[in-house]
Structure formats: structure tokens, C-alpha cells
Amino acid sequence: NTVYLQMNTLKPEDTAVYYCAADATTSRPLLPLRE
């Protein structure tokens, strides 16, 4: 029950608070998940 984000070659501009989020619409195509 875990998702990972492996981050390599990090840059100072990657500094931020990182959030994960869940979308319950399993039929949703990939591109709209940018929103």
C-alpha cells in the first residue's frame, strides 16, 4: 500500500514540500492526473 518517488540528481530548485494524493477514478486517463 505504498507509492515511491525516487529522486536522483537533485537540484536546489527541487526544494519544496512534496505531497502525495489519491484519485479514486480508476478509469481516468493518465494526462488529467496532472491536475
Full PDB file with SEQRES, HELIX, SHEET, SSBOND, CRYST1, ORIGX, SCALE, CONECT and MASTER records, all heavy atoms in Angstrom:
SEQRES   1 A   35  ASN THR VAL TYR LEU GLN MET ASN THR LEU LYS PRO GLU          
SEQRES   2 A   35  ASP THR ALA VAL TYR TYR CYS ALA ALA ASP ALA THR THR          
SEQRES   3 A   35  SER ARG PRO LEU LEU PRO LEU ARG GLU                          
HELIX    1 AA1 PRO A   12  ASP A   14  5                                   3    
HELIX    2 AA2 LEU A   31  ARG A   34  5                                   4    
CRYST1    1.000    1.000    1.000  90.00  90.00  90.00 P 1           1          
ORIGX1      1.000000  0.000000  0.000000        0.00000                         
ORIGX2      0.000000  1.000000  0.000000        0.00000                         
ORIGX3      0.000000  0.000000  1.000000        0.00000                         
SCALE1      1.000000  0.000000  0.000000        0.00000                         
SCALE2      0.000000  1.000000  0.000000        0.00000                         
SCALE3      0.000000  0.000000  1.000000        0.00000                         
ATOM      1  N   ASN A   1       0.832  -1.220   0.000  1.00  0.00           N  
ATOM      2  CA  ASN A   1       0.000   0.000   0.000  1.00  0.00           C  
ATOM      3  C   ASN A   1       0.863   1.264   0.000  1.00  0.00           C  
ATOM      4  O   ASN A   1       0.565   2.247   0.695  1.00  0.00           O  
ATOM      5  CB  ASN A   1      -0.932   0.025   1.225  1.00  0.00           C  
ATOM      6  CG  ASN A   1      -2.024  -1.013   1.141  1.00  0.00           C  
ATOM      7  OD1 ASN A   1      -2.091  -1.772   0.175  1.00  0.00           O  
ATOM      8  ND2 ASN A   1      -2.862  -1.066   2.145  1.00  0.00           N  
ATOM      9  N   THR A   2       1.896   1.243  -0.797  1.00  0.00           N  
ATOM     10  CA  THR A   2       2.866   2.337  -0.785  1.00  0.00           C  
ATOM     11  C   THR A   2       3.257   2.725  -2.207  1.00  0.00           C  
ATOM     12  O   THR A   2       3.420   1.854  -3.074  1.00  0.00           O  
ATOM     13  CB  THR A   2       4.118   1.954   0.012  1.00  0.00           C  
ATOM     14  OG1 THR A   2       3.743   1.615   1.352  1.00  0.00           O  
ATOM     15  CG2 THR A   2       5.107   3.109   0.058  1.00  0.00           C  
ATOM     16  N   VAL A   3       3.392   4.022  -2.416  1.00  0.00           N  
ATOM     17  CA  VAL A   3       3.929   4.579  -3.656  1.00  0.00           C  
ATOM     18  C   VAL A   3       5.245   5.271  -3.328  1.00  0.00           C  
ATOM     19  O   VAL A   3       5.369   5.902  -2.279  1.00  0.00           O  
ATOM     20  CB  VAL A   3       2.937   5.561  -4.299  1.00  0.00           C  
ATOM     21  CG1 VAL A   3       3.578   6.310  -5.452  1.00  0.00           C  
ATOM     22  CG2 VAL A   3       1.705   4.830  -4.774  1.00  0.00           C  
ATOM     23  N   TYR A   4       6.197   5.143  -4.234  1.00  0.00           N  
ATOM     24  CA  TYR A   4       7.516   5.708  -4.028  1.00  0.00           C  
ATOM     25  C   TYR A   4       7.817   6.756  -5.085  1.00  0.00           C  
ATOM     26  O   TYR A   4       7.334   6.683  -6.217  1.00  0.00           O  
ATOM     27  CB  TYR A   4       8.581   4.612  -4.088  1.00  0.00           C  
ATOM     28  CG  TYR A   4       8.350   3.489  -3.118  1.00  0.00           C  
ATOM     29  CD1 TYR A   4       7.757   2.304  -3.535  1.00  0.00           C  
ATOM     30  CD2 TYR A   4       8.715   3.606  -1.782  1.00  0.00           C  
ATOM     31  CE1 TYR A   4       7.529   1.270  -2.645  1.00  0.00           C  
ATOM     32  CE2 TYR A   4       8.497   2.574  -0.885  1.00  0.00           C  
ATOM     33  CZ  TYR A   4       7.905   1.408  -1.325  1.00  0.00           C  
ATOM     34  OH  TYR A   4       7.682   0.390  -0.430  1.00  0.00           O  
ATOM     35  N   LEU A   5       8.645   7.705  -4.703  1.00  0.00           N  
ATOM     36  CA  LEU A   5       9.194   8.662  -5.659  1.00  0.00           C  
ATOM     37  C   LEU A   5      10.703   8.686  -5.440  1.00  0.00           C  
ATOM     38  O   LEU A   5      11.184   9.243  -4.458  1.00  0.00           O  
ATOM     39  CB  LEU A   5       8.604  10.053  -5.464  1.00  0.00           C  
ATOM     40  CG  LEU A   5       9.058  11.092  -6.495  1.00  0.00           C  
ATOM     41  CD1 LEU A   5       8.504  10.745  -7.883  1.00  0.00           C  
ATOM     42  CD2 LEU A   5       8.630  12.510  -6.096  1.00  0.00           C  
ATOM     43  N   GLN A   6      11.407   8.022  -6.334  1.00  0.00           N  
ATOM     44  CA  GLN A   6      12.859   8.006  -6.281  1.00  0.00           C  
ATOM     45  C   GLN A   6      13.371   9.257  -6.995  1.00  0.00           C  
ATOM     46  O   GLN A   6      13.072   9.450  -8.177  1.00  0.00           O  
ATOM     47  CB  GLN A   6      13.406   6.754  -6.952  1.00  0.00           C  
ATOM     48  CG  GLN A   6      14.923   6.692  -7.006  1.00  0.00           C  
ATOM     49  CD  GLN A   6      15.556   6.567  -5.629  1.00  0.00           C  
ATOM     50  OE1 GLN A   6      15.099   5.776  -4.804  1.00  0.00           O  
ATOM     51  NE2 GLN A   6      16.616   7.325  -5.378  1.00  0.00           N  
ATOM     52  N   MET A   7      14.124  10.065  -6.282  1.00  0.00           N  
ATOM     53  CA  MET A   7      14.606  11.327  -6.846  1.00  0.00           C  
ATOM     54  C   MET A   7      16.131  11.317  -6.875  1.00  0.00           C  
ATOM     55  O   MET A   7      16.765  11.212  -5.821  1.00  0.00           O  
ATOM     56  CB  MET A   7      14.103  12.509  -6.006  1.00  0.00           C  
ATOM     57  CG  MET A   7      12.591  12.548  -5.857  1.00  0.00           C  
ATOM     58  SD  MET A   7      11.998  14.051  -5.051  1.00  0.00           S  
ATOM     59  CE  MET A   7      12.747  13.873  -3.436  1.00  0.00           C  
ATOM     60  N   ASN A   8      16.675  11.405  -8.054  1.00  0.00           N  
ATOM     61  CA  ASN A   8      18.116  11.403  -8.243  1.00  0.00           C  
ATOM     62  C   ASN A   8      18.572  12.730  -8.830  1.00  0.00           C  
ATOM     63  O   ASN A   8      17.770  13.494  -9.370  1.00  0.00           O  
ATOM     64  CB  ASN A   8      18.532  10.258  -9.168  1.00  0.00           C  
ATOM     65  CG  ASN A   8      18.161   8.905  -8.618  1.00  0.00           C  
ATOM     66  OD1 ASN A   8      18.201   8.680  -7.404  1.00  0.00           O  
ATOM     67  ND2 ASN A   8      17.799   7.985  -9.499  1.00  0.00           N  
ATOM     68  N   THR A   9      19.868  12.991  -8.731  1.00  0.00           N  
ATOM     69  CA  THR A   9      20.458  14.208  -9.289  1.00  0.00           C  
ATOM     70  C   THR A   9      19.655  15.435  -8.852  1.00  0.00           C  
ATOM     71  O   THR A   9      19.254  16.265  -9.664  1.00  0.00           O  
ATOM     72  CB  THR A   9      20.535  14.123 -10.825  1.00  0.00           C  
ATOM     73  OG1 THR A   9      20.956  12.833 -11.234  1.00  0.00           O  
ATOM     74  CG2 THR A   9      21.555  15.129 -11.356  1.00  0.00           C  
ATOM     75  N   LEU A  10      19.422  15.539  -7.576  1.00  0.00           N  
ATOM     76  CA  LEU A  10      18.601  16.627  -7.065  1.00  0.00           C  
ATOM     77  C   LEU A  10      19.287  17.975  -7.241  1.00  0.00           C  
ATOM     78  O   LEU A  10      20.519  18.086  -7.182  1.00  0.00           O  
ATOM     79  CB  LEU A  10      18.266  16.389  -5.596  1.00  0.00           C  
ATOM     80  CG  LEU A  10      17.182  15.332  -5.357  1.00  0.00           C  
ATOM     81  CD1 LEU A  10      17.216  14.819  -3.940  1.00  0.00           C  
ATOM     82  CD2 LEU A  10      15.817  15.909  -5.695  1.00  0.00           C  
ATOM     83  N   LYS A  11      18.454  18.987  -7.448  1.00  0.00           N  
ATOM     84  CA  LYS A  11      18.924  20.346  -7.671  1.00  0.00           C  
ATOM     85  C   LYS A  11      18.329  21.262  -6.602  1.00  0.00           C  
ATOM     86  O   LYS A  11      17.267  20.953  -6.050  1.00  0.00           O  
ATOM     87  CB  LYS A  11      18.487  20.837  -9.043  1.00  0.00           C  
ATOM     88  CG  LYS A  11      18.904  19.942 -10.192  1.00  0.00           C  
ATOM     89  CD  LYS A  11      18.306  20.433 -11.499  1.00  0.00           C  
ATOM     90  CE  LYS A  11      18.673  19.518 -12.656  1.00  0.00           C  
ATOM     91  NZ  LYS A  11      18.086  19.988 -13.940  1.00  0.00           N  
ATOM     92  N   PRO A  12      18.958  22.384  -6.311  1.00  0.00           N  
ATOM     93  CA  PRO A  12      18.383  23.305  -5.321  1.00  0.00           C  
ATOM     94  C   PRO A  12      16.949  23.717  -5.658  1.00  0.00           C  
ATOM     95  O   PRO A  12      16.132  23.913  -4.748  1.00  0.00           O  
ATOM     96  CB  PRO A  12      19.346  24.501  -5.371  1.00  0.00           C  
ATOM     97  CG  PRO A  12      20.655  23.902  -5.763  1.00  0.00           C  
ATOM     98  CD  PRO A  12      20.303  22.801  -6.735  1.00  0.00           C  
ATOM     99  N   GLU A  13      16.635  23.820  -6.945  1.00  0.00           N  
ATOM    100  CA  GLU A  13      15.271  24.199  -7.336  1.00  0.00           C  
ATOM    101  C   GLU A  13      14.247  23.095  -7.081  1.00  0.00           C  
ATOM    102  O   GLU A  13      13.044  23.307  -7.247  1.00  0.00           O  
ATOM    103  CB  GLU A  13      15.225  24.626  -8.806  1.00  0.00           C  
ATOM    104  CG  GLU A  13      15.852  23.637  -9.770  1.00  0.00           C  
ATOM    105  CD  GLU A  13      17.287  23.994 -10.113  1.00  0.00           C  
ATOM    106  OE1 GLU A  13      18.053  24.362  -9.186  1.00  0.00           O  
ATOM    107  OE2 GLU A  13      17.643  23.880 -11.303  1.00  0.00           O  
ATOM    108  N   ASP A  14      14.698  21.913  -6.663  1.00  0.00           N  
ATOM    109  CA  ASP A  14      13.763  20.855  -6.262  1.00  0.00           C  
ATOM    110  C   ASP A  14      13.299  21.029  -4.819  1.00  0.00           C  
ATOM    111  O   ASP A  14      12.442  20.278  -4.348  1.00  0.00           O  
ATOM    112  CB  ASP A  14      14.427  19.480  -6.408  1.00  0.00           C  
ATOM    113  CG  ASP A  14      14.711  19.114  -7.843  1.00  0.00           C  
ATOM    114  OD1 ASP A  14      13.854  19.387  -8.715  1.00  0.00           O  
ATOM    115  OD2 ASP A  14      15.791  18.549  -8.107  1.00  0.00           O  
ATOM    116  N   THR A  15      13.844  21.994  -4.125  1.00  0.00           N  
ATOM    117  CA  THR A  15      13.453  22.253  -2.742  1.00  0.00           C  
ATOM    118  C   THR A  15      11.980  22.639  -2.685  1.00  0.00           C  
ATOM    119  O   THR A  15      11.537  23.561  -3.360  1.00  0.00           O  
ATOM    120  CB  THR A  15      14.307  23.377  -2.140  1.00  0.00           C  
ATOM    121  OG1 THR A  15      15.667  22.930  -2.062  1.00  0.00           O  
ATOM    122  CG2 THR A  15      13.815  23.758  -0.755  1.00  0.00           C  
ATOM    123  N   ALA A  16      11.227  21.910  -1.869  1.00  0.00           N  
ATOM    124  CA  ALA A  16       9.782  22.124  -1.776  1.00  0.00           C  
ATOM    125  C   ALA A  16       9.207  21.152  -0.749  1.00  0.00           C  
ATOM    126  O   ALA A  16       9.892  20.237  -0.293  1.00  0.00           O  
ATOM    127  CB  ALA A  16       9.104  21.900  -3.124  1.00  0.00           C  
ATOM    128  N   VAL A  17       7.946  21.367  -0.430  1.00  0.00           N  
ATOM    129  CA  VAL A  17       7.185  20.351   0.299  1.00  0.00           C  
ATOM    130  C   VAL A  17       6.555  19.443  -0.753  1.00  0.00           C  
ATOM    131  O   VAL A  17       5.910  19.931  -1.688  1.00  0.00           O  
ATOM    132  CB  VAL A  17       6.101  20.976   1.186  1.00  0.00           C  
ATOM    133  CG1 VAL A  17       5.290  19.882   1.876  1.00  0.00           C  
ATOM    134  CG2 VAL A  17       6.729  21.906   2.221  1.00  0.00           C  
ATOM    135  N   TYR A  18       6.750  18.161  -0.590  1.00  0.00           N  
ATOM    136  CA  TYR A  18       6.237  17.180  -1.542  1.00  0.00           C  
ATOM    137  C   TYR A  18       5.006  16.493  -0.945  1.00  0.00           C  
ATOM    138  O   TYR A  18       5.039  16.017   0.196  1.00  0.00           O  
ATOM    139  CB  TYR A  18       7.308  16.153  -1.877  1.00  0.00           C  
ATOM    140  CG  TYR A  18       8.344  16.690  -2.833  1.00  0.00           C  
ATOM    141  CD1 TYR A  18       9.268  17.656  -2.424  1.00  0.00           C  
ATOM    142  CD2 TYR A  18       8.395  16.262  -4.156  1.00  0.00           C  
ATOM    143  CE1 TYR A  18      10.204  18.176  -3.302  1.00  0.00           C  
ATOM    144  CE2 TYR A  18       9.330  16.764  -5.046  1.00  0.00           C  
ATOM    145  CZ  TYR A  18      10.227  17.730  -4.610  1.00  0.00           C  
ATOM    146  OH  TYR A  18      11.155  18.239  -5.484  1.00  0.00           O  
ATOM    147  N   TYR A  19       3.955  16.436  -1.751  1.00  0.00           N  
ATOM    148  CA  TYR A  19       2.683  15.853  -1.333  1.00  0.00           C  
ATOM    149  C   TYR A  19       2.327  14.682  -2.235  1.00  0.00           C  
ATOM    150  O   TYR A  19       2.550  14.736  -3.445  1.00  0.00           O  
ATOM    151  CB  TYR A  19       1.558  16.870  -1.445  1.00  0.00           C  
ATOM    152  CG  TYR A  19       1.724  18.111  -0.618  1.00  0.00           C  
ATOM    153  CD1 TYR A  19       2.390  19.229  -1.129  1.00  0.00           C  
ATOM    154  CD2 TYR A  19       1.204  18.198   0.671  1.00  0.00           C  
ATOM    155  CE1 TYR A  19       2.537  20.375  -0.377  1.00  0.00           C  
ATOM    156  CE2 TYR A  19       1.342  19.345   1.431  1.00  0.00           C  
ATOM    157  CZ  TYR A  19       2.014  20.429   0.901  1.00  0.00           C  
ATOM    158  OH  TYR A  19       2.152  21.570   1.649  1.00  0.00           O  
ATOM    159  N   CYS A  20       1.728  13.653  -1.649  1.00  0.00           N  
ATOM    160  CA  CYS A  20       1.115  12.633  -2.480  1.00  0.00           C  
ATOM    161  C   CYS A  20      -0.406  12.768  -2.349  1.00  0.00           C  
ATOM    162  O   CYS A  20      -0.920  13.302  -1.360  1.00  0.00           O  
ATOM    163  CB  CYS A  20       1.572  11.226  -2.097  1.00  0.00           C  
ATOM    164  SG  CYS A  20       1.142  10.665  -0.443  1.00  0.00           S  
ATOM    165  N   ALA A  21      -1.092  12.307  -3.382  1.00  0.00           N  
ATOM    166  CA  ALA A  21      -2.540  12.442  -3.450  1.00  0.00           C  
ATOM    167  C   ALA A  21      -3.132  11.223  -4.131  1.00  0.00           C  
ATOM    168  O   ALA A  21      -2.474  10.587  -4.962  1.00  0.00           O  
ATOM    169  CB  ALA A  21      -2.913  13.714  -4.212  1.00  0.00           C  
ATOM    170  N   ALA A  22      -4.378  10.919  -3.786  1.00  0.00           N  
ATOM    171  CA  ALA A  22      -5.057   9.749  -4.326  1.00  0.00           C  
ATOM    172  C   ALA A  22      -6.297  10.165  -5.107  1.00  0.00           C  
ATOM    173  O   ALA A  22      -7.083  11.005  -4.651  1.00  0.00           O  
ATOM    174  CB  ALA A  22      -5.451   8.802  -3.199  1.00  0.00           C  
ATOM    175  N   ASP A  23      -6.446   9.546  -6.264  1.00  0.00           N  
ATOM    176  CA  ASP A  23      -7.597   9.777  -7.141  1.00  0.00           C  
ATOM    177  C   ASP A  23      -8.374   8.477  -7.245  1.00  0.00           C  
ATOM    178  O   ASP A  23      -7.829   7.456  -7.648  1.00  0.00           O  
ATOM    179  CB  ASP A  23      -7.104  10.227  -8.515  1.00  0.00           C  
ATOM    180  CG  ASP A  23      -8.160  10.078  -9.591  1.00  0.00           C  
ATOM    181  OD1 ASP A  23      -9.335  10.420  -9.325  1.00  0.00           O  
ATOM    182  OD2 ASP A  23      -7.817   9.613 -10.702  1.00  0.00           O  
ATOM    183  N   ALA A  24      -9.668   8.519  -6.912  1.00  0.00           N  
ATOM    184  CA  ALA A  24     -10.478   7.305  -6.856  1.00  0.00           C  
ATOM    185  C   ALA A  24     -11.067   6.894  -8.197  1.00  0.00           C  
ATOM    186  O   ALA A  24     -11.704   5.843  -8.300  1.00  0.00           O  
ATOM    187  CB  ALA A  24     -11.599   7.487  -5.837  1.00  0.00           C  
ATOM    188  N   THR A  25     -10.886   7.684  -9.225  1.00  0.00           N  
ATOM    189  CA  THR A  25     -11.473   7.396 -10.531  1.00  0.00           C  
ATOM    190  C   THR A  25     -10.521   6.520 -11.337  1.00  0.00           C  
ATOM    191  O   THR A  25      -9.682   7.023 -12.100  1.00  0.00           O  
ATOM    192  CB  THR A  25     -11.795   8.690 -11.285  1.00  0.00           C  
ATOM    193  OG1 THR A  25     -12.559   9.545 -10.442  1.00  0.00           O  
ATOM    194  CG2 THR A  25     -12.559   8.389 -12.562  1.00  0.00           C  
ATOM    195  N   THR A  26     -10.639   5.216 -11.213  1.00  0.00           N  
ATOM    196  CA  THR A  26      -9.676   4.312 -11.834  1.00  0.00           C  
ATOM    197  C   THR A  26      -9.722   4.356 -13.352  1.00  0.00           C  
ATOM    198  O   THR A  26      -8.747   3.999 -14.011  1.00  0.00           O  
ATOM    199  CB  THR A  26      -9.897   2.880 -11.355  1.00  0.00           C  
ATOM    200  OG1 THR A  26     -11.257   2.504 -11.626  1.00  0.00           O  
ATOM    201  CG2 THR A  26      -9.640   2.755  -9.866  1.00  0.00           C  
ATOM    202  N   SER A  27     -10.830   4.813 -13.911  1.00  0.00           N  
ATOM    203  CA  SER A  27     -10.938   4.878 -15.370  1.00  0.00           C  
ATOM    204  C   SER A  27     -10.289   6.121 -15.957  1.00  0.00           C  
ATOM    205  O   SER A  27     -10.228   6.274 -17.175  1.00  0.00           O  
ATOM    206  CB  SER A  27     -12.412   4.849 -15.775  1.00  0.00           C  
ATOM    207  OG  SER A  27     -13.084   5.969 -15.230  1.00  0.00           O  
ATOM    208  N   ARG A  28      -9.805   7.023 -15.126  1.00  0.00           N  
ATOM    209  CA  ARG A  28      -9.255   8.288 -15.606  1.00  0.00           C  
ATOM    210  C   ARG A  28      -7.979   8.039 -16.393  1.00  0.00           C  
ATOM    211  O   ARG A  28      -7.070   7.349 -15.930  1.00  0.00           O  
ATOM    212  CB  ARG A  28      -8.966   9.239 -14.440  1.00  0.00           C  
ATOM    213  CG  ARG A  28      -8.732  10.667 -14.909  1.00  0.00           C  
ATOM    214  CD  ARG A  28      -8.321  11.580 -13.768  1.00  0.00           C  
ATOM    215  NE  ARG A  28      -9.137  11.499 -12.583  1.00  0.00           N  
ATOM    216  CZ  ARG A  28     -10.332  12.068 -12.429  1.00  0.00           C  
ATOM    217  NH1 ARG A  28     -10.834  12.780 -13.421  1.00  0.00           N  
ATOM    218  NH2 ARG A  28     -10.982  11.958 -11.289  1.00  0.00           N  
ATOM    219  N   PRO A  29      -7.857   8.640 -17.562  1.00  0.00           N  
ATOM    220  CA  PRO A  29      -6.597   8.524 -18.313  1.00  0.00           C  
ATOM    221  C   PRO A  29      -5.452   9.189 -17.559  1.00  0.00           C  
ATOM    222  O   PRO A  29      -5.648   9.901 -16.594  1.00  0.00           O  
ATOM    223  CB  PRO A  29      -6.904   9.260 -19.623  1.00  0.00           C  
ATOM    224  CG  PRO A  29      -8.391   9.311 -19.712  1.00  0.00           C  
ATOM    225  CD  PRO A  29      -8.890   9.350 -18.307  1.00  0.00           C  
ATOM    226  N   LEU A  30      -4.261   8.992 -18.081  1.00  0.00           N  
ATOM    227  CA  LEU A  30      -3.073   9.435 -17.364  1.00  0.00           C  
ATOM    228  C   LEU A  30      -2.904  10.950 -17.371  1.00  0.00           C  
ATOM    229  O   LEU A  30      -2.609  11.563 -16.337  1.00  0.00           O  
ATOM    230  CB  LEU A  30      -1.846   8.762 -17.983  1.00  0.00           C  
ATOM    231  CG  LEU A  30      -0.626   8.565 -17.086  1.00  0.00           C  
ATOM    232  CD1 LEU A  30      -0.973   7.830 -15.818  1.00  0.00           C  
ATOM    233  CD2 LEU A  30       0.456   7.846 -17.848  1.00  0.00           C  
ATOM    234  N   LEU A  31      -3.076  11.594 -18.511  1.00  0.00           N  
ATOM    235  CA  LEU A  31      -2.766  13.018 -18.620  1.00  0.00           C  
ATOM    236  C   LEU A  31      -3.545  13.897 -17.654  1.00  0.00           C  
ATOM    237  O   LEU A  31      -2.977  14.833 -17.085  1.00  0.00           O  
ATOM    238  CB  LEU A  31      -2.950  13.505 -20.058  1.00  0.00           C  
ATOM    239  CG  LEU A  31      -1.903  13.013 -21.057  1.00  0.00           C  
ATOM    240  CD1 LEU A  31      -2.138  13.631 -22.433  1.00  0.00           C  
ATOM    241  CD2 LEU A  31      -0.507  13.357 -20.580  1.00  0.00           C  
ATOM    242  N   PRO A  32      -4.838  13.646 -17.430  1.00  0.00           N  
ATOM    243  CA  PRO A  32      -5.559  14.500 -16.476  1.00  0.00           C  
ATOM    244  C   PRO A  32      -5.023  14.424 -15.058  1.00  0.00           C  
ATOM    245  O   PRO A  32      -5.349  15.288 -14.239  1.00  0.00           O  
ATOM    246  CB  PRO A  32      -6.994  13.960 -16.542  1.00  0.00           C  
ATOM    247  CG  PRO A  32      -7.091  13.360 -17.896  1.00  0.00           C  
ATOM    248  CD  PRO A  32      -5.744  12.766 -18.154  1.00  0.00           C  
ATOM    249  N   LEU A  33      -4.209  13.435 -14.753  1.00  0.00           N  
ATOM    250  CA  LEU A  33      -3.664  13.317 -13.404  1.00  0.00           C  
ATOM    251  C   LEU A  33      -2.632  14.388 -13.114  1.00  0.00           C  
ATOM    252  O   LEU A  33      -2.099  14.450 -12.010  1.00  0.00           O  
ATOM    253  CB  LEU A  33      -3.059  11.924 -13.205  1.00  0.00           C  
ATOM    254  CG  LEU A  33      -4.085  10.782 -13.168  1.00  0.00           C  
ATOM    255  CD1 LEU A  33      -3.387   9.435 -13.098  1.00  0.00           C  
ATOM    256  CD2 LEU A  33      -5.056  10.938 -12.020  1.00  0.00           C  
ATOM    257  N   ARG A  34      -2.340  15.251 -14.084  1.00  0.00           N  
ATOM    258  CA  ARG A  34      -1.506  16.415 -13.833  1.00  0.00           C  
ATOM    259  C   ARG A  34      -2.238  17.475 -13.017  1.00  0.00           C  
ATOM    260  O   ARG A  34      -1.613  18.357 -12.425  1.00  0.00           O  
ATOM    261  CB  ARG A  34      -1.086  17.071 -15.156  1.00  0.00           C  
ATOM    262  CG  ARG A  34      -0.274  16.203 -16.078  1.00  0.00           C  
ATOM    263  CD  ARG A  34      -0.118  16.862 -17.427  1.00  0.00           C  
ATOM    264  NE  ARG A  34      -1.404  17.061 -18.078  1.00  0.00           N  
ATOM    265  CZ  ARG A  34      -1.566  17.665 -19.239  1.00  0.00           C  
ATOM    266  NH1 ARG A  34      -0.518  18.155 -19.874  1.00  0.00           N  
ATOM    267  NH2 ARG A  34      -2.772  17.803 -19.767  1.00  0.00           N  
ATOM    268  N   GLU A  35      -3.540  17.406 -12.982  1.00  0.00           N  
ATOM    269  CA  GLU A  35      -4.347  18.455 -12.363  1.00  0.00           C  
ATOM    270  C   GLU A  35      -4.651  18.105 -10.915  1.00  0.00           C  
ATOM    271  O   GLU A  35      -5.243  17.073 -10.625  1.00  0.00           O  
ATOM    272  CB  GLU A  35      -5.656  18.636 -13.139  1.00  0.00           C  
ATOM    273  CG  GLU A  35      -5.479  18.886 -14.619  1.00  0.00           C  
ATOM    274  CD  GLU A  35      -4.764  20.189 -14.915  1.00  0.00           C  
ATOM    275  OE1 GLU A  35      -4.754  21.087 -14.039  1.00  0.00           O  
ATOM    276  OE2 GLU A  35      -4.228  20.313 -16.023  1.00  0.00           O  
TER     277      GLU A  35                                                      
MASTER        0    0    0    2    0    0    0    6  276    1    0    3          
END                                                                             
